[in-house]
Amino acid sequence: MKTGIALFIITFLWFDTYPGKDNASTWELKKDKNGIQIYARNAPGWEYQELKVTMQLESSLSGLVAALKDVPSYPEWVYTCTDAYFYKNSPHEEYYYTKFKAPWPVKSRDLIVHSVIEQDSITKTVIFKGKGLPQYRPMSDGIVRIPAFDGKYLLVPKGADMVDVTYIVKLDPGGWLPPWLVNLVSTSGPYNSFVKLRDFVKRDKYQKASLAYIDELQ
């Protein structure tokens, strides 16, 4: 039960740390399985460890961006996510809501994110930068609003159909969850999400997507 309680919250959605910009402790490899690597480190000012997840994914850049921007489909692949929808959505900016189920007796969590999407004109790297907005909408009874969240996806194209994916996240899940317990078992959720994302992005509607605001690497 303790494992289930901790796993549900640290691993869901994912978004201000940048690979190579190490102002905290050194990344420590926690899991390396099926082409997915998960790292953790202590982050100044945060009780919970910061996580970094990496993998190489077979997809067009537009296909992966289309899948990540399909917020209402998050419950299909994001760990413990039961509901997700937009408040606002445009090619380069999103405001969205997500809800995550917790095992009894812990209360479920919800999270509101403001995400900005950028692409480097030279390297074609795409960056999703997300920040939690806990006061953006009223809280719901019986659900704990996640009070602090910073995350980032870094999508580096390696050819027409291959992308290096890095996801870095730090958060405070709010309410009662012991940091030592969450930090101890925090790799399973990100791993399971990335395994599902690998299959999810293969769907025709994503791989056939042509996004006017995304340039593919030539």
C-alpha atoms as a PDB file:
ATOM      1  CA  MET A   1       0.000   0.000   0.000  1.00  0.00           C
ATOM      2  CA  LYS A   2       2.802   2.428   0.862  1.00  0.00           C
ATOM      3  CA  THR A   3       4.392   1.800  -2.519  1.00  0.00           C
ATOM      4  CA  GLY A   4       1.113   2.439  -4.321  1.00  0.00           C
ATOM      5  CA  ILE A   5       0.570   5.659  -2.374  1.00  0.00           C
ATOM      6  CA  ALA A   6       3.964   7.039  -3.307  1.00  0.00           C
ATOM      7  CA  LEU A   7       3.969   5.924  -6.920  1.00  0.00           C
ATOM      8  CA  PHE A   8       0.727   7.560  -7.894  1.00  0.00           C
ATOM      9  CA  ILE A   9       1.831  11.158  -7.432  1.00  0.00           C
ATOM     10  CA  ILE A  10       5.469  11.625  -8.340  1.00  0.00           C
ATOM     11  CA  THR A  11       5.153  10.246 -11.822  1.00  0.00           C
ATOM     12  CA  PHE A  12       2.246  11.635 -13.800  1.00  0.00           C
ATOM     13  CA  LEU A  13       2.383  14.427 -16.215  1.00  0.00           C
ATOM     14  CA  TRP A  14       5.507  16.041 -16.546  1.00  0.00           C
ATOM     15  CA  PHE A  15       7.724  20.348 -16.877  1.00  0.00           C
ATOM     16  CA  ASP A  16      12.628  24.557 -15.056  1.00  0.00           C
ATOM     17  CA  THR A  17      15.674  22.737 -15.230  1.00  0.00           C
ATOM     18  CA  TYR A  18      17.624  22.312 -18.438  1.00  0.00           C
ATOM     19  CA  PRO A  19      19.929  19.424 -19.380  1.00  0.00           C
ATOM     20  CA  GLY A  20      23.500  20.534 -18.843  1.00  0.00           C
ATOM     21  CA  LYS A  21      22.518  23.390 -16.501  1.00  0.00           C
ATOM     22  CA  ASP A  22      23.337  21.675 -13.218  1.00  0.00           C
ATOM     23  CA  ASN A  23      22.840  24.095 -10.343  1.00  0.00           C
ATOM     24  CA  ALA A  24      21.955  21.233  -8.015  1.00  0.00           C
ATOM     25  CA  SER A  25      23.598  17.929  -7.132  1.00  0.00           C
ATOM     26  CA  THR A  26      24.811  15.449  -9.747  1.00  0.00           C
ATOM     27  CA  TRP A  27      22.256  13.259 -11.509  1.00  0.00           C
ATOM     28  CA  GLU A  28      22.206   9.678 -10.230  1.00  0.00           C
ATOM     29  CA  LEU A  29      20.997   6.885 -12.507  1.00  0.00           C
ATOM     30  CA  LYS A  30      18.113   5.068 -10.794  1.00  0.00           C
ATOM     31  CA  LYS A  31      16.812   2.850 -13.589  1.00  0.00           C
ATOM     32  CA  ASP A  32      17.960   1.786 -17.058  1.00  0.00           C
ATOM     33  CA  LYS A  33      15.575  -0.600 -18.776  1.00  0.00           C
ATOM     34  CA  ASN A  34      14.241  -1.085 -22.311  1.00  0.00           C
ATOM     35  CA  GLY A  35      16.010   2.004 -23.596  1.00  0.00           C
ATOM     36  CA  ILE A  36      14.567   4.255 -20.876  1.00  0.00           C
ATOM     37  CA  GLN A  37      16.867   5.917 -18.332  1.00  0.00           C
ATOM     38  CA  ILE A  38      15.639   7.575 -15.137  1.00  0.00           C
ATOM     39  CA  TYR A  39      17.855   9.848 -13.056  1.00  0.00           C
ATOM     40  CA  ALA A  40      17.288  11.667  -9.762  1.00  0.00           C
ATOM     41  CA  ARG A  41      19.018  14.401  -7.816  1.00  0.00           C
ATOM     42  CA  ASN A  42      18.385  16.740  -4.916  1.00  0.00           C
ATOM     43  CA  ALA A  43      17.141  20.198  -5.916  1.00  0.00           C
ATOM     44  CA  PRO A  44      17.795  23.264  -3.735  1.00  0.00           C
ATOM     45  CA  GLY A  45      14.627  24.474  -2.060  1.00  0.00           C
ATOM     46  CA  TRP A  46      12.651  21.289  -2.812  1.00  0.00           C
ATOM     47  CA  GLU A  47      11.898  18.438  -0.400  1.00  0.00           C
ATOM     48  CA  TYR A  48      11.319  15.990  -3.232  1.00  0.00           C
ATOM     49  CA  GLN A  49      13.963  14.896  -5.688  1.00  0.00           C
ATOM     50  CA  GLU A  50      14.067  16.217  -9.225  1.00  0.00           C
ATOM     51  CA  LEU A  51      13.702  13.547 -11.911  1.00  0.00           C
ATOM     52  CA  LYS A  52      15.070  13.253 -15.432  1.00  0.00           C
ATOM     53  CA  VAL A  53      13.800  10.651 -17.903  1.00  0.00           C
ATOM     54  CA  THR A  54      15.450   9.989 -21.266  1.00  0.00           C
ATOM     55  CA  MET A  55      14.820   7.724 -24.231  1.00  0.00           C
ATOM     56  CA  GLN A  56      15.088   7.645 -28.006  1.00  0.00           C
ATOM     57  CA  LEU A  57      11.710   7.415 -29.675  1.00  0.00           C
ATOM     58  CA  GLU A  58      10.821   6.394 -33.223  1.00  0.00           C
ATOM     59  CA  SER A  59       8.588   9.185 -34.524  1.00  0.00           C
ATOM     60  CA  SER A  60       8.533  12.265 -36.668  1.00  0.00           C
ATOM     61  CA  LEU A  61       9.007  15.441 -34.655  1.00  0.00           C
ATOM     62  CA  SER A  62       5.534  16.656 -35.607  1.00  0.00           C
ATOM     63  CA  GLY A  63       4.049  13.325 -34.602  1.00  0.00           C
ATOM     64  CA  LEU A  64       5.547  13.475 -31.129  1.00  0.00           C
ATOM     65  CA  VAL A  65       4.553  17.111 -30.625  1.00  0.00           C
ATOM     66  CA  ALA A  66       1.004  16.272 -31.745  1.00  0.00           C
ATOM     67  CA  ALA A  67       0.824  13.417 -29.230  1.00  0.00           C
ATOM     68  CA  LEU A  68       2.152  15.525 -26.346  1.00  0.00           C
ATOM     69  CA  LYS A  69      -0.291  18.309 -27.189  1.00  0.00           C
ATOM     70  CA  ASP A  70      -3.237  15.900 -27.165  1.00  0.00           C
ATOM     71  CA  VAL A  71      -3.992  16.669 -23.528  1.00  0.00           C
ATOM     72  CA  PRO A  72      -7.467  15.018 -23.431  1.00  0.00           C
ATOM     73  CA  SER A  73      -5.769  11.699 -24.309  1.00  0.00           C
ATOM     74  CA  TYR A  74      -3.337  11.818 -21.371  1.00  0.00           C
ATOM     75  CA  PRO A  75      -5.362   9.260 -19.368  1.00  0.00           C
ATOM     76  CA  GLU A  76      -4.435   6.713 -22.045  1.00  0.00           C
ATOM     77  CA  TRP A  77      -0.719   6.837 -21.258  1.00  0.00           C
ATOM     78  CA  VAL A  78       0.144   9.134 -18.349  1.00  0.00           C
ATOM     79  CA  TYR A  79       0.496   7.185 -15.107  1.00  0.00           C
ATOM     80  CA  THR A  80      -2.592   7.380 -12.804  1.00  0.00           C
ATOM     81  CA  CYS A  81      -4.096  10.229 -14.863  1.00  0.00           C
ATOM     82  CA  THR A  82      -7.896   9.928 -14.922  1.00  0.00           C
ATOM     83  CA  ASP A  83      -8.951  13.262 -16.436  1.00  0.00           C
ATOM     84  CA  ALA A  84      -7.332  15.931 -18.588  1.00  0.00           C
ATOM     85  CA  TYR A  85      -8.662  18.883 -20.558  1.00  0.00           C
ATOM     86  CA  PHE A  86      -7.751  22.293 -21.896  1.00  0.00           C
ATOM     87  CA  TYR A  87      -8.685  25.690 -20.542  1.00  0.00           C
ATOM     88  CA  LYS A  88      -6.868  27.370 -23.430  1.00  0.00           C
ATOM     89  CA  ASN A  89      -4.944  25.897 -26.350  1.00  0.00           C
ATOM     90  CA  SER A  90      -2.924  27.430 -29.184  1.00  0.00           C
ATOM     91  CA  PRO A  91       0.058  26.147 -31.186  1.00  0.00           C
ATOM     92  CA  HIS A  92       2.624  27.650 -28.815  1.00  0.00           C
ATOM     93  CA  GLU A  93       0.801  27.916 -25.496  1.00  0.00           C
ATOM     94  CA  GLU A  94      -1.536  25.805 -23.362  1.00  0.00           C
ATOM     95  CA  TYR A  95      -3.412  26.038 -20.088  1.00  0.00           C
ATOM     96  CA  TYR A  96      -4.714  22.653 -18.998  1.00  0.00           C
ATOM     97  CA  TYR A  97      -6.051  20.583 -16.107  1.00  0.00           C
ATOM     98  CA  THR A  98      -5.081  17.063 -15.078  1.00  0.00           C
ATOM     99  CA  LYS A  99      -6.342  14.805 -12.300  1.00  0.00           C
ATOM    100  CA  PHE A 100      -4.539  11.823 -10.762  1.00  0.00           C
ATOM    101  CA  LYS A 101      -6.081   8.984  -8.805  1.00  0.00           C
ATOM    102  CA  ALA A 102      -4.522   8.004  -5.484  1.00  0.00           C
ATOM    103  CA  PRO A 103      -4.885   4.757  -3.563  1.00  0.00           C
ATOM    104  CA  TRP A 104      -6.859   4.938  -0.339  1.00  0.00           C
ATOM    105  CA  PRO A 105      -6.429   6.609   2.128  1.00  0.00           C
ATOM    106  CA  VAL A 106      -4.532   9.324   0.241  1.00  0.00           C
ATOM    107  CA  LYS A 107      -6.604  11.943  -1.551  1.00  0.00           C
ATOM    108  CA  SER A 108      -6.401  12.270  -5.328  1.00  0.00           C
ATOM    109  CA  ARG A 109      -4.406  15.192  -6.724  1.00  0.00           C
ATOM    110  CA  ASP A 110      -5.034  17.660  -9.495  1.00  0.00           C
ATOM    111  CA  LEU A 111      -2.699  19.965 -11.366  1.00  0.00           C
ATOM    112  CA  ILE A 112      -3.128  23.016 -13.559  1.00  0.00           C
ATOM    113  CA  VAL A 113      -0.271  23.717 -15.966  1.00  0.00           C
ATOM    114  CA  HIS A 114       0.714  26.640 -18.169  1.00  0.00           C
ATOM    115  CA  SER A 115       2.887  25.236 -20.959  1.00  0.00           C
ATOM    116  CA  VAL A 116       4.872  27.188 -23.562  1.00  0.00           C
ATOM    117  CA  ILE A 117       6.228  25.459 -26.684  1.00  0.00           C
ATOM    118  CA  GLU A 118       9.318  26.710 -28.504  1.00  0.00           C
ATOM    119  CA  GLN A 119      11.479  25.462 -31.386  1.00  0.00           C
ATOM    120  CA  ASP A 120      15.086  26.325 -32.106  1.00  0.00           C
ATOM    121  CA  SER A 121      15.327  27.578 -35.686  1.00  0.00           C
ATOM    122  CA  ILE A 122      18.765  25.993 -36.231  1.00  0.00           C
ATOM    123  CA  THR A 123      18.711  22.643 -34.441  1.00  0.00           C
ATOM    124  CA  LYS A 124      14.898  22.177 -34.720  1.00  0.00           C
ATOM    125  CA  THR A 125      14.858  21.122 -31.062  1.00  0.00           C
ATOM    126  CA  VAL A 126      11.423  21.554 -29.489  1.00  0.00           C
ATOM    127  CA  ILE A 127      11.007  22.524 -25.842  1.00  0.00           C
ATOM    128  CA  PHE A 128       7.822  22.228 -23.778  1.00  0.00           C
ATOM    129  CA  LYS A 129       8.192  24.351 -20.622  1.00  0.00           C
ATOM    130  CA  GLY A 130       5.467  23.905 -18.025  1.00  0.00           C
ATOM    131  CA  LYS A 131       4.735  25.585 -14.712  1.00  0.00           C
ATOM    132  CA  GLY A 132       1.996  24.855 -12.203  1.00  0.00           C
ATOM    133  CA  LEU A 133      -0.728  27.439 -11.639  1.00  0.00           C
ATOM    134  CA  PRO A 134      -2.430  26.278  -8.421  1.00  0.00           C
ATOM    135  CA  GLN A 135      -4.604  29.419  -8.118  1.00  0.00           C
ATOM    136  CA  TYR A 136      -5.784  29.469 -11.736  1.00  0.00           C
ATOM    137  CA  ARG A 137      -9.109  27.809 -10.894  1.00  0.00           C
ATOM    138  CA  PRO A 138     -10.959  27.072  -7.627  1.00  0.00           C
ATOM    139  CA  MET A 139     -10.033  23.862  -5.866  1.00  0.00           C
ATOM    140  CA  SER A 140     -12.438  20.912  -5.705  1.00  0.00           C
ATOM    141  CA  ASP A 141     -13.603  19.295  -2.474  1.00  0.00           C
ATOM    142  CA  GLY A 142     -11.820  16.062  -1.663  1.00  0.00           C
ATOM    143  CA  ILE A 143      -8.927  16.687  -4.095  1.00  0.00           C
ATOM    144  CA  VAL A 144      -5.503  18.099  -3.201  1.00  0.00           C
ATOM    145  CA  ARG A 145      -4.212  20.746  -5.613  1.00  0.00           C
ATOM    146  CA  ILE A 146      -0.517  20.245  -6.409  1.00  0.00           C
ATOM    147  CA  PRO A 147       1.033  23.504  -5.137  1.00  0.00           C
ATOM    148  CA  ALA A 148       4.328  23.569  -7.045  1.00  0.00           C
ATOM    149  CA  PHE A 149       5.360  22.090 -10.388  1.00  0.00           C
ATOM    150  CA  ASP A 150       8.145  22.819 -12.882  1.00  0.00           C
ATOM    151  CA  GLY A 151       8.779  20.573 -15.864  1.00  0.00           C
ATOM    152  CA  LYS A 152      10.293  20.457 -19.286  1.00  0.00           C
ATOM    153  CA  TYR A 153      10.280  18.214 -22.348  1.00  0.00           C
ATOM    154  CA  LEU A 154      13.304  18.525 -24.631  1.00  0.00           C
ATOM    155  CA  LEU A 155      12.749  16.915 -28.051  1.00  0.00           C
ATOM    156  CA  VAL A 156      15.917  16.657 -30.154  1.00  0.00           C
ATOM    157  CA  PRO A 157      15.364  15.321 -33.696  1.00  0.00           C
ATOM    158  CA  LYS A 158      17.968  12.824 -34.894  1.00  0.00           C
ATOM    159  CA  GLY A 159      16.563  12.304 -38.385  1.00  0.00           C
ATOM    160  CA  ALA A 160      13.250  12.051 -40.164  1.00  0.00           C
ATOM    161  CA  ASP A 161      11.836   9.448 -37.769  1.00  0.00           C
ATOM    162  CA  MET A 162      13.913   9.494 -34.586  1.00  0.00           C
ATOM    163  CA  VAL A 163      13.779  11.860 -31.608  1.00  0.00           C
ATOM    164  CA  ASP A 164      15.824  11.985 -28.412  1.00  0.00           C
ATOM    165  CA  VAL A 165      13.387  12.750 -25.585  1.00  0.00           C
ATOM    166  CA  THR A 166      14.379  14.228 -22.232  1.00  0.00           C
ATOM    167  CA  TYR A 167      11.808  15.003 -19.567  1.00  0.00           C
ATOM    168  CA  ILE A 168      12.800  16.838 -16.373  1.00  0.00           C
ATOM    169  CA  VAL A 169      10.355  17.471 -13.539  1.00  0.00           C
ATOM    170  CA  LYS A 170      10.302  18.703  -9.982  1.00  0.00           C
ATOM    171  CA  LEU A 171       7.175  19.127  -7.880  1.00  0.00           C
ATOM    172  CA  ASP A 172       5.630  19.281  -4.453  1.00  0.00           C
ATOM    173  CA  PRO A 173       2.622  16.912  -4.425  1.00  0.00           C
ATOM    174  CA  GLY A 174       1.002  18.759  -1.516  1.00  0.00           C
ATOM    175  CA  GLY A 175      -0.836  17.272   1.423  1.00  0.00           C
ATOM    176  CA  TRP A 176       0.601  14.271   3.238  1.00  0.00           C
ATOM    177  CA  LEU A 177       3.222  12.259   1.371  1.00  0.00           C
ATOM    178  CA  PRO A 178       6.559  11.614   3.113  1.00  0.00           C
ATOM    179  CA  PRO A 179       9.446  12.832   0.893  1.00  0.00           C
ATOM    180  CA  TRP A 180      11.601   9.815   1.792  1.00  0.00           C
ATOM    181  CA  LEU A 181       8.887   7.420   0.606  1.00  0.00           C
ATOM    182  CA  VAL A 182       8.168   9.261  -2.626  1.00  0.00           C
ATOM    183  CA  ASN A 183      11.875   9.574  -3.430  1.00  0.00           C
ATOM    184  CA  LEU A 184      12.401   5.872  -2.702  1.00  0.00           C
ATOM    185  CA  VAL A 185       9.925   4.549  -5.275  1.00  0.00           C
ATOM    186  CA  SER A 186       9.697   7.423  -7.765  1.00  0.00           C
ATOM    187  CA  THR A 187      10.997   5.626 -10.879  1.00  0.00           C
ATOM    188  CA  SER A 188       8.136   3.249 -11.708  1.00  0.00           C
ATOM    189  CA  GLY A 189       5.597   5.863 -12.775  1.00  0.00           C
ATOM    190  CA  PRO A 190       7.829   7.732 -15.262  1.00  0.00           C
ATOM    191  CA  TYR A 191       9.027   4.414 -16.650  1.00  0.00           C
ATOM    192  CA  ASN A 192       5.493   3.118 -17.204  1.00  0.00           C
ATOM    193  CA  SER A 193       4.415   6.394 -18.791  1.00  0.00           C
ATOM    194  CA  PHE A 194       7.310   6.389 -21.244  1.00  0.00           C
ATOM    195  CA  VAL A 195       6.669   2.765 -22.186  1.00  0.00           C
ATOM    196  CA  LYS A 196       3.084   3.667 -23.040  1.00  0.00           C
ATOM    197  CA  LEU A 197       4.096   6.889 -24.830  1.00  0.00           C
ATOM    198  CA  ARG A 198       6.352   4.865 -27.121  1.00  0.00           C
ATOM    199  CA  ASP A 199       3.336   2.936 -28.415  1.00  0.00           C
ATOM    200  CA  PHE A 200       0.857   5.809 -28.150  1.00  0.00           C
ATOM    201  CA  VAL A 201       2.801   8.049 -30.543  1.00  0.00           C
ATOM    202  CA  LYS A 202       2.735   5.375 -33.273  1.00  0.00           C
ATOM    203  CA  ARG A 203      -0.942   5.987 -33.981  1.00  0.00           C
ATOM    204  CA  ASP A 204      -1.702   7.142 -37.502  1.00  0.00           C
ATOM    205  CA  LYS A 205      -3.298  10.404 -36.436  1.00  0.00           C
ATOM    206  CA  TYR A 206       0.008  11.471 -34.891  1.00  0.00           C
ATOM    207  CA  GLN A 207       2.437  10.069 -37.448  1.00  0.00           C
ATOM    208  CA  LYS A 208       0.391  11.598 -40.266  1.00  0.00           C
ATOM    209  CA  ALA A 209       0.217  14.957 -38.481  1.00  0.00           C
ATOM    210  CA  SER A 210       1.674  17.949 -40.280  1.00  0.00           C
ATOM    211  CA  LEU A 211       2.036  20.906 -37.959  1.00  0.00           C
ATOM    212  CA  ALA A 212       2.597  24.269 -39.613  1.00  0.00           C
ATOM    213  CA  TYR A 213       4.417  25.588 -36.551  1.00  0.00           C
ATOM    214  CA  ILE A 214       6.921  22.671 -36.362  1.00  0.00           C
ATOM    215  CA  ASP A 215       9.853  22.368 -38.777  1.00  0.00           C
ATOM    216  CA  GLU A 216      11.225  18.882 -39.315  1.00  0.00           C
ATOM    217  CA  LEU A 217      14.967  18.287 -39.419  1.00  0.00           C
ATOM    218  CA  GLN A 218      16.060  18.011 -43.045  1.00  0.00           C
END
